[in-house]
Amino acid sequence: MAAMMRLVTLASRTPGKTYSYKHSLESEEMNLKQKYRLEVLPPETITSGERQVQCSNFKLSGGGIHPVYYWVTKDGVLQRLMMDDQKIMELAGTP
């Protein structure tokens, strides 16, 4: 998960682009999972604190996981992520 938090900040932000990989090791489970896919979704404007932030949006799916969503600013800063359809982590300060 930590590696993907960095990779989405470096990936192309072209909507419709898809990256796939055959296997991933879930380190906390020591379980090899298969068929992951990272999709670039259309950009979104999100609210962070009191400001509006334009972000690229990514969706990670496959491997039997709930999709994980990432929002990255145009400057390549991971602004927010959501996993398990409910857990949200967000950048606390201004990038």
N, C-alpha and C. Protein backbone atom coordinates (compact mmCIF):
# COMPACT_ATOMS: atom_id res chain seq x y z
N MET A 1 0.82 -1.19 0.00
CA MET A 1 0.00 0.00 0.00
C MET A 1 0.87 1.26 0.00
N ALA A 2 1.93 1.26 0.79
CA ALA A 2 2.81 2.43 0.84
C ALA A 2 3.42 2.69 -0.53
N ALA A 3 3.81 1.64 -1.23
CA ALA A 3 4.40 1.80 -2.56
C ALA A 3 3.38 2.40 -3.53
N MET A 4 2.13 1.96 -3.47
CA MET A 4 1.10 2.49 -4.37
C MET A 4 0.81 3.95 -4.06
N MET A 5 0.92 4.35 -2.81
CA MET A 5 0.71 5.76 -2.46
C MET A 5 1.74 6.64 -3.17
N ARG A 6 2.92 6.12 -3.39
CA ARG A 6 3.95 6.87 -4.13
C ARG A 6 3.75 6.73 -5.64
N LEU A 7 3.43 5.53 -6.10
CA LEU A 7 3.29 5.30 -7.54
C LEU A 7 2.20 6.15 -8.18
N VAL A 8 1.08 6.35 -7.50
CA VAL A 8 0.01 7.15 -8.11
C VAL A 8 0.42 8.60 -8.31
N THR A 9 1.39 9.08 -7.53
CA THR A 9 1.86 10.46 -7.72
C THR A 9 2.76 10.58 -8.94
N LEU A 10 3.27 9.45 -9.44
CA LEU A 10 4.18 9.44 -10.58
C LEU A 10 3.52 8.99 -11.88
N ALA A 11 2.38 8.31 -11.77
CA ALA A 11 1.71 7.73 -12.94
C ALA A 11 1.10 8.82 -13.84
N SER A 12 0.91 8.46 -15.10
CA SER A 12 0.24 9.36 -16.05
C SER A 12 -1.17 9.65 -15.53
N ARG A 13 -1.63 10.85 -15.74
CA ARG A 13 -2.96 11.25 -15.26
C ARG A 13 -3.97 11.34 -16.39
N THR A 14 -3.71 10.63 -17.48
CA THR A 14 -4.61 10.65 -18.63
C THR A 14 -5.82 9.77 -18.34
N PRO A 15 -7.03 10.35 -18.24
CA PRO A 15 -8.22 9.54 -17.96
C PRO A 15 -8.37 8.41 -18.98
N GLY A 16 -8.72 7.24 -18.49
CA GLY A 16 -8.90 6.07 -19.34
C GLY A 16 -7.67 5.19 -19.39
N LYS A 17 -6.51 5.71 -19.01
CA LYS A 17 -5.28 4.90 -19.01
C LYS A 17 -5.40 3.84 -17.91
N THR A 18 -4.90 2.65 -18.22
CA THR A 18 -4.97 1.53 -17.26
C THR A 18 -3.61 0.86 -17.15
N TYR A 19 -3.23 0.58 -15.93
CA TYR A 19 -2.01 -0.18 -15.64
C TYR A 19 -2.45 -1.48 -14.99
N SER A 20 -1.80 -2.57 -15.35
CA SER A 20 -2.15 -3.84 -14.71
C SER A 20 -0.89 -4.60 -14.35
N TYR A 21 -0.99 -5.42 -13.34
CA TYR A 21 0.12 -6.28 -12.97
C TYR A 21 -0.44 -7.59 -12.43
N LYS A 22 0.32 -8.65 -12.64
CA LYS A 22 -0.17 -9.99 -12.37
C LYS A 22 -0.24 -10.35 -10.90
N HIS A 23 0.73 -9.93 -10.12
CA HIS A 23 0.79 -10.34 -8.72
C HIS A 23 1.19 -9.20 -7.80
N SER A 24 0.73 -9.28 -6.56
CA SER A 24 1.14 -8.35 -5.53
C SER A 24 1.18 -9.08 -4.20
N LEU A 25 2.18 -8.80 -3.40
CA LEU A 25 2.30 -9.41 -2.08
C LEU A 25 1.70 -8.47 -1.05
N GLU A 26 0.64 -8.90 -0.43
CA GLU A 26 0.05 -8.13 0.67
C GLU A 26 0.89 -8.42 1.91
N SER A 27 1.75 -7.48 2.28
CA SER A 27 2.75 -7.75 3.32
C SER A 27 2.14 -8.05 4.68
N GLU A 28 1.05 -7.38 5.02
CA GLU A 28 0.47 -7.65 6.34
C GLU A 28 -0.14 -9.05 6.43
N GLU A 29 -0.49 -9.63 5.28
CA GLU A 29 -1.06 -10.97 5.26
C GLU A 29 -0.06 -12.01 4.77
N MET A 30 1.05 -11.56 4.16
CA MET A 30 2.02 -12.45 3.50
C MET A 30 1.28 -13.37 2.53
N ASN A 31 0.40 -12.77 1.76
CA ASN A 31 -0.46 -13.49 0.83
C ASN A 31 -0.24 -12.93 -0.57
N LEU A 32 0.10 -13.79 -1.53
CA LEU A 32 0.29 -13.36 -2.91
C LEU A 32 -1.08 -13.28 -3.60
N LYS A 33 -1.44 -12.08 -4.05
CA LYS A 33 -2.73 -11.88 -4.70
C LYS A 33 -2.50 -11.57 -6.18
N GLN A 34 -3.52 -11.80 -6.99
CA GLN A 34 -3.36 -11.71 -8.44
C GLN A 34 -4.26 -10.66 -9.08
N LYS A 35 -3.86 -10.29 -10.31
CA LYS A 35 -4.66 -9.49 -11.24
C LYS A 35 -5.09 -8.14 -10.67
N TYR A 36 -4.13 -7.30 -10.35
CA TYR A 36 -4.41 -5.94 -9.93
C TYR A 36 -4.49 -5.02 -11.14
N ARG A 37 -5.25 -3.93 -10.98
CA ARG A 37 -5.47 -3.00 -12.08
C ARG A 37 -5.59 -1.59 -11.49
N LEU A 38 -4.81 -0.66 -12.03
CA LEU A 38 -4.89 0.74 -11.64
C LEU A 38 -5.46 1.51 -12.82
N GLU A 39 -6.61 2.13 -12.60
CA GLU A 39 -7.29 2.89 -13.66
C GLU A 39 -7.24 4.38 -13.35
N VAL A 40 -7.03 5.18 -14.38
CA VAL A 40 -7.08 6.63 -14.23
C VAL A 40 -8.51 7.06 -14.57
N LEU A 41 -9.19 7.59 -13.57
CA LEU A 41 -10.58 8.04 -13.73
C LEU A 41 -10.59 9.53 -14.11
N PRO A 42 -11.75 10.05 -14.50
CA PRO A 42 -11.81 11.49 -14.80
C PRO A 42 -11.45 12.32 -13.55
N PRO A 43 -10.85 13.49 -13.76
CA PRO A 43 -10.47 14.34 -12.62
C PRO A 43 -11.70 14.79 -11.83
N GLU A 44 -11.46 15.11 -10.57
CA GLU A 44 -12.53 15.58 -9.68
C GLU A 44 -12.04 16.78 -8.90
N THR A 45 -12.96 17.62 -8.50
CA THR A 45 -12.66 18.70 -7.56
C THR A 45 -13.15 18.24 -6.21
N ILE A 46 -12.23 18.20 -5.23
CA ILE A 46 -12.60 17.78 -3.88
C ILE A 46 -12.46 18.95 -2.93
N THR A 47 -13.10 18.85 -1.79
CA THR A 47 -12.99 19.87 -0.76
C THR A 47 -11.99 19.38 0.28
N SER A 48 -10.99 20.17 0.53
CA SER A 48 -9.98 19.86 1.54
C SER A 48 -9.93 21.03 2.49
N GLY A 49 -10.38 20.81 3.70
CA GLY A 49 -10.50 21.93 4.63
C GLY A 49 -11.54 22.89 4.10
N GLU A 50 -11.14 24.11 3.83
CA GLU A 50 -12.06 25.11 3.29
C GLU A 50 -11.80 25.43 1.83
N ARG A 51 -10.93 24.67 1.19
CA ARG A 51 -10.59 25.01 -0.20
C ARG A 51 -10.96 23.89 -1.16
N GLN A 52 -11.18 24.28 -2.40
CA GLN A 52 -11.47 23.35 -3.48
C GLN A 52 -10.15 22.97 -4.16
N VAL A 53 -9.94 21.67 -4.39
CA VAL A 53 -8.69 21.19 -4.98
C VAL A 53 -9.02 20.32 -6.19
N GLN A 54 -8.48 20.67 -7.35
CA GLN A 54 -8.64 19.86 -8.57
C GLN A 54 -7.67 18.69 -8.49
N CYS A 55 -8.16 17.47 -8.62
CA CYS A 55 -7.31 16.28 -8.47
C CYS A 55 -7.55 15.28 -9.58
N SER A 56 -6.50 14.56 -9.94
CA SER A 56 -6.64 13.37 -10.75
C SER A 56 -7.14 12.27 -9.83
N ASN A 57 -7.88 11.33 -10.38
CA ASN A 57 -8.50 10.29 -9.57
C ASN A 57 -8.06 8.93 -10.10
N PHE A 58 -7.65 8.04 -9.21
CA PHE A 58 -7.20 6.70 -9.57
C PHE A 58 -8.01 5.67 -8.80
N LYS A 59 -8.21 4.50 -9.42
CA LYS A 59 -8.91 3.39 -8.77
C LYS A 59 -8.05 2.14 -8.88
N LEU A 60 -7.71 1.55 -7.74
CA LEU A 60 -6.97 0.29 -7.70
C LEU A 60 -7.95 -0.82 -7.37
N SER A 61 -7.99 -1.86 -8.21
CA SER A 61 -8.90 -2.98 -7.97
C SER A 61 -8.21 -4.29 -8.30
N GLY A 62 -8.88 -5.38 -7.98
CA GLY A 62 -8.35 -6.72 -8.24
C GLY A 62 -7.82 -7.35 -6.98
N GLY A 63 -7.29 -8.55 -7.12
CA GLY A 63 -6.70 -9.25 -5.99
C GLY A 63 -7.66 -9.58 -4.88
N GLY A 64 -8.96 -9.50 -5.14
CA GLY A 64 -9.94 -9.79 -4.11
C GLY A 64 -10.12 -8.68 -3.10
N ILE A 65 -9.63 -7.46 -3.39
CA ILE A 65 -9.76 -6.35 -2.45
C ILE A 65 -10.94 -5.46 -2.84
N HIS A 66 -11.42 -4.66 -1.89
CA HIS A 66 -12.34 -3.59 -2.22
C HIS A 66 -11.53 -2.56 -2.99
N PRO A 67 -12.11 -1.87 -3.94
CA PRO A 67 -11.34 -0.85 -4.66
C PRO A 67 -10.77 0.20 -3.70
N VAL A 68 -9.59 0.69 -4.04
CA VAL A 68 -8.96 1.79 -3.29
C VAL A 68 -8.90 2.97 -4.26
N TYR A 69 -9.32 4.14 -3.80
CA TYR A 69 -9.34 5.34 -4.63
C TYR A 69 -8.29 6.32 -4.13
N TYR A 70 -7.61 6.97 -5.07
CA TYR A 70 -6.56 7.94 -4.76
C TYR A 70 -6.86 9.25 -5.48
N TRP A 71 -6.66 10.38 -4.82
CA TRP A 71 -6.80 11.70 -5.43
C TRP A 71 -5.45 12.40 -5.34
N VAL A 72 -4.93 12.82 -6.49
CA VAL A 72 -3.60 13.42 -6.57
C VAL A 72 -3.72 14.80 -7.21
N THR A 73 -3.07 15.79 -6.60
CA THR A 73 -3.12 17.15 -7.14
C THR A 73 -2.30 17.26 -8.41
N LYS A 74 -2.48 18.35 -9.14
CA LYS A 74 -1.71 18.57 -10.38
C LYS A 74 -0.22 18.67 -10.10
N ASP A 75 0.15 18.98 -8.85
CA ASP A 75 1.56 19.07 -8.46
C ASP A 75 2.12 17.71 -8.03
N GLY A 76 1.30 16.66 -8.11
CA GLY A 76 1.77 15.32 -7.76
C GLY A 76 1.76 15.01 -6.27
N VAL A 77 0.89 15.69 -5.53
CA VAL A 77 0.77 15.44 -4.09
C VAL A 77 -0.46 14.58 -3.85
N LEU A 78 -0.28 13.47 -3.14
CA LEU A 78 -1.41 12.62 -2.78
C LEU A 78 -2.25 13.36 -1.75
N GLN A 79 -3.45 13.75 -2.16
CA GLN A 79 -4.31 14.56 -1.32
C GLN A 79 -5.22 13.71 -0.44
N ARG A 80 -5.71 12.59 -1.00
CA ARG A 80 -6.69 11.78 -0.26
C ARG A 80 -6.66 10.36 -0.80
N LEU A 81 -7.01 9.40 0.05
CA LEU A 81 -7.27 8.04 -0.41
C LEU A 81 -8.42 7.46 0.38
N MET A 82 -9.16 6.57 -0.26
CA MET A 82 -10.29 5.91 0.39
C MET A 82 -10.17 4.42 0.14
N MET A 83 -10.27 3.63 1.22
CA MET A 83 -10.24 2.18 1.10
C MET A 83 -11.41 1.59 1.85
N ASP A 84 -11.77 0.37 1.47
CA ASP A 84 -12.91 -0.35 2.08
C ASP A 84 -14.20 0.45 2.00
N ASP A 85 -14.33 1.30 1.01
CA ASP A 85 -15.53 2.12 0.78
C ASP A 85 -15.90 3.02 1.95
N GLN A 86 -14.97 3.21 2.91
CA GLN A 86 -15.33 4.05 4.05
C GLN A 86 -14.15 4.71 4.75
N LYS A 87 -12.98 4.11 4.73
CA LYS A 87 -11.83 4.66 5.45
C LYS A 87 -11.13 5.68 4.57
N ILE A 88 -11.07 6.92 5.06
CA ILE A 88 -10.47 8.00 4.27
C ILE A 88 -9.25 8.53 5.01
N MET A 89 -8.17 8.66 4.27
CA MET A 89 -6.96 9.32 4.78
C MET A 89 -6.77 10.56 3.91
N GLU A 90 -6.53 11.71 4.56
CA GLU A 90 -6.41 12.94 3.81
C GLU A 90 -5.22 13.74 4.29
N LEU A 91 -4.57 14.43 3.36
CA LEU A 91 -3.45 15.31 3.69
C LEU A 91 -3.96 16.36 4.66
N ALA A 92 -3.30 16.52 5.79
CA ALA A 92 -3.78 17.44 6.82
C ALA A 92 -3.51 18.90 6.51
N GLY A 93 -2.35 19.18 5.89
CA GLY A 93 -1.99 20.56 5.62
C GLY A 93 -2.03 20.90 4.15
N THR A 94 -1.70 22.11 3.85
CA THR A 94 -1.64 22.57 2.47
C THR A 94 -0.35 22.07 1.83
N PRO A 95 -0.46 21.46 0.63
CA PRO A 95 0.77 20.96 -0.01
C PRO A 95 1.69 22.11 -0.41
